[in-house]
Every structure is written in C-alpha cells, then in structure tokens.
Amino acid sequence: MSTADSESRPARQEDPCRTREVLDIVGDKWSLLVVRNLSQGPRRFTELKRAIDGISQRMLTVTLRSLERDGILTRTVHNVMPPHVSYELTPMGKTLRQATAPLLEWSTTHLAHIDAARATYDARPDTPRA
C-alpha cells in the first residue's frame, strides 16, 4: 500500500497511535482543570471562568467545545429568564476525573518542590539563558 493510500484511509478504532488523541485531552493544561471544576456538579460558564485562574474567555470557550465534542461534558441551555447555559460531566467525563484525580493531587502536593527545583536550576551559573 502506498503512503498516499495509508494517509487517506481513516484510522482504525484499535490503532494504538490513536491514544495520542486521548492524551491530548489529558495533556491540555485547561481541560483537566475544567473537568476538576465540574466534578462537584453542573457549572455555568461564569462560574468556571472565576474558578480557573488565568484562563481567558476565549480559551474556556474553546476548551468547553472540545470537551463537549469528545463526549466529556454536556452543554445544557436552560430556557429561563434570563436564559443560561450550564456544563456537566458525562459518565465518561466522570471516569476521566477519577483517572486524573491522582495526577492533579500530585501536582498540588509537589508544586512547592518544583518551584524550588526550578529556582535552584535557574540560579546555577552553567544554566543556559533563554
């Protein structure tokens, strides 16, 4: 089979290289923070924006759309006055939360150690400067 043929055919479900698509979700710096914030239940956009330090409105919108597309969360439009939208984890999203909770806890626990290691590294005279 030629390279052109293999590039034009769709990837098979069991293709182990497709796991990188899932790892893109896990590796995205905003996705896991959104998932963690939705673990306590449905949230509105503004609640998520306030809870996730440093995320822009545009990036939150992009992240929410991506997670909805991947089946991690659902978007519900509530027909009340004034209308509002809420986001909630799907059953699959809840399993993602369970799977990534230890990673997020590890990050929180070791943040001070990482900051100290970076400061030590950056203070070395042989450290290349950017």
Protein backbone atom coordinates (compact mmCIF):
# COMPACT_ATOMS: atom_id res chain seq x y z
CA MET A 1 0.00 0.00 0.00
CA SER A 2 1.37 3.41 -0.90
CA THR A 3 1.89 6.25 1.56
CA ALA A 4 -0.91 8.23 -0.10
CA ASP A 5 -3.32 5.30 0.42
CA SER A 6 -2.42 4.95 4.08
CA GLU A 7 -2.77 8.69 4.68
CA SER A 8 -6.20 8.87 3.05
CA ARG A 9 -7.77 5.93 4.88
CA PRO A 10 -9.34 6.61 8.26
CA ALA A 11 -7.54 5.37 11.36
CA ARG A 12 -8.97 2.18 12.81
CA GLN A 13 -10.50 2.28 16.29
CA GLU A 14 -7.96 -0.16 17.72
CA ASP A 15 -4.98 1.77 16.30
CA PRO A 16 -2.69 2.28 19.31
CA CYS A 17 -1.43 5.55 17.83
CA ARG A 18 -4.92 6.99 18.30
CA THR A 19 -4.33 7.04 22.06
CA ARG A 20 -2.46 10.29 21.48
CA GLU A 21 -5.86 11.86 20.78
CA VAL A 22 -6.93 10.98 24.32
CA LEU A 23 -3.58 12.08 25.70
CA ASP A 24 -4.12 15.45 24.01
CA ILE A 25 -7.15 15.90 26.29
CA VAL A 26 -5.24 14.85 29.38
CA GLY A 27 -2.18 16.86 28.39
CA ASP A 28 -4.10 20.06 27.74
CA LYS A 29 -3.49 22.43 30.62
CA TRP A 30 -7.08 23.71 30.74
CA SER A 31 -9.12 20.54 30.10
CA LEU A 32 -8.28 18.82 33.37
CA LEU A 33 -8.98 21.99 35.34
CA VAL A 34 -12.41 22.23 33.71
CA VAL A 35 -13.07 18.55 34.44
CA ARG A 36 -11.98 19.02 38.06
CA ASN A 37 -14.27 22.03 38.47
CA LEU A 38 -17.21 20.12 37.04
CA SER A 39 -16.68 17.19 39.41
CA GLN A 40 -18.88 18.89 42.04
CA GLY A 41 -21.77 19.17 39.60
CA PRO A 42 -23.03 21.42 36.81
CA ARG A 43 -21.47 24.86 36.46
CA ARG A 44 -22.23 27.93 34.42
CA PHE A 45 -19.62 29.49 32.16
CA THR A 46 -19.02 32.41 34.51
CA GLU A 47 -18.55 30.07 37.48
CA LEU A 48 -15.92 28.12 35.57
CA LYS A 49 -14.20 31.32 34.42
CA ARG A 50 -13.93 32.57 38.02
CA ALA A 51 -12.75 29.19 39.34
CA ILE A 52 -9.97 28.62 36.79
CA ASP A 53 -7.26 31.16 37.42
CA GLY A 54 -5.64 32.54 34.27
CA ILE A 55 -7.99 31.11 31.65
CA SER A 56 -9.27 33.59 29.09
CA GLN A 57 -12.88 33.69 27.98
CA ARG A 58 -11.85 32.52 24.51
CA MET A 59 -9.75 29.63 25.81
CA LEU A 60 -12.54 28.50 28.13
CA THR A 61 -14.96 28.55 25.19
CA VAL A 62 -12.55 26.53 23.02
CA THR A 63 -11.90 24.05 25.84
CA LEU A 64 -15.59 23.55 26.61
CA ARG A 65 -16.42 22.98 22.94
CA SER A 66 -13.60 20.46 22.61
CA LEU A 67 -14.65 18.56 25.73
CA GLU A 68 -18.26 18.54 24.55
CA ARG A 69 -17.20 17.24 21.13
CA ASP A 70 -15.20 14.45 22.79
CA GLY A 71 -18.17 13.43 24.95
CA ILE A 72 -16.54 14.51 28.23
CA LEU A 73 -19.22 17.06 29.12
CA THR A 74 -22.67 18.14 28.08
CA ARG A 75 -23.90 21.66 27.45
CA THR A 76 -27.46 22.42 28.52
CA VAL A 77 -29.34 25.57 27.58
CA HIS A 78 -31.90 26.43 30.28
CA ASN A 79 -34.96 28.23 28.97
CA VAL A 80 -35.45 30.57 31.92
CA MET A 81 -35.35 34.33 32.20
CA PRO A 82 -32.66 35.29 31.67
CA PRO A 83 -31.57 32.18 29.72
CA HIS A 84 -28.38 30.47 30.83
CA VAL A 85 -26.14 27.58 29.86
CA SER A 86 -24.63 25.01 32.16
CA TYR A 87 -21.97 22.37 31.69
CA GLU A 88 -21.86 18.95 33.34
CA LEU A 89 -19.62 15.90 33.14
CA THR A 90 -20.93 12.92 31.23
CA PRO A 91 -20.46 9.44 32.71
CA MET A 92 -17.28 9.17 30.61
CA GLY A 93 -16.17 12.57 31.89
CA LYS A 94 -16.62 11.34 35.46
CA THR A 95 -14.32 8.41 34.75
CA LEU A 96 -11.77 10.85 33.31
CA ARG A 97 -11.99 12.80 36.56
CA GLN A 98 -11.41 9.63 38.56
CA ALA A 99 -8.45 8.66 36.38
CA THR A 100 -6.78 12.08 36.56
CA ALA A 101 -7.51 12.99 40.19
CA PRO A 102 -4.22 11.45 41.40
CA LEU A 103 -2.28 13.47 38.81
CA LEU A 104 -3.92 16.72 39.88
CA GLU A 105 -3.35 15.88 43.56
CA TRP A 106 0.30 15.06 42.82
CA SER A 107 0.62 18.43 41.06
CA THR A 108 -0.77 20.30 44.04
CA THR A 109 1.35 18.38 46.53
CA HIS A 110 4.61 18.88 44.63
CA LEU A 111 4.20 22.42 43.30
CA ALA A 112 6.41 23.96 46.00
CA HIS A 113 9.11 21.34 45.35
CA ILE A 114 9.00 22.04 41.62
CA ASP A 115 9.25 25.79 42.25
CA ALA A 116 12.29 25.22 44.49
CA ALA A 117 13.95 22.92 41.95
CA ARG A 118 13.42 25.47 39.18
CA ALA A 119 14.85 28.27 41.30
CA THR A 120 17.91 26.15 42.11
CA TYR A 121 18.39 25.20 38.46
CA ASP A 122 17.95 28.79 37.24
CA ALA A 123 20.46 30.07 39.82
CA ARG A 124 23.24 27.77 38.60
CA PRO A 125 25.97 29.60 36.72
CA ASP A 126 26.04 26.95 33.97
CA THR A 127 22.31 27.23 33.20
CA PRO A 128 21.75 28.36 29.62
CA ARG A 129 19.74 31.58 29.40
CA ALA A 130 16.79 31.79 27.02
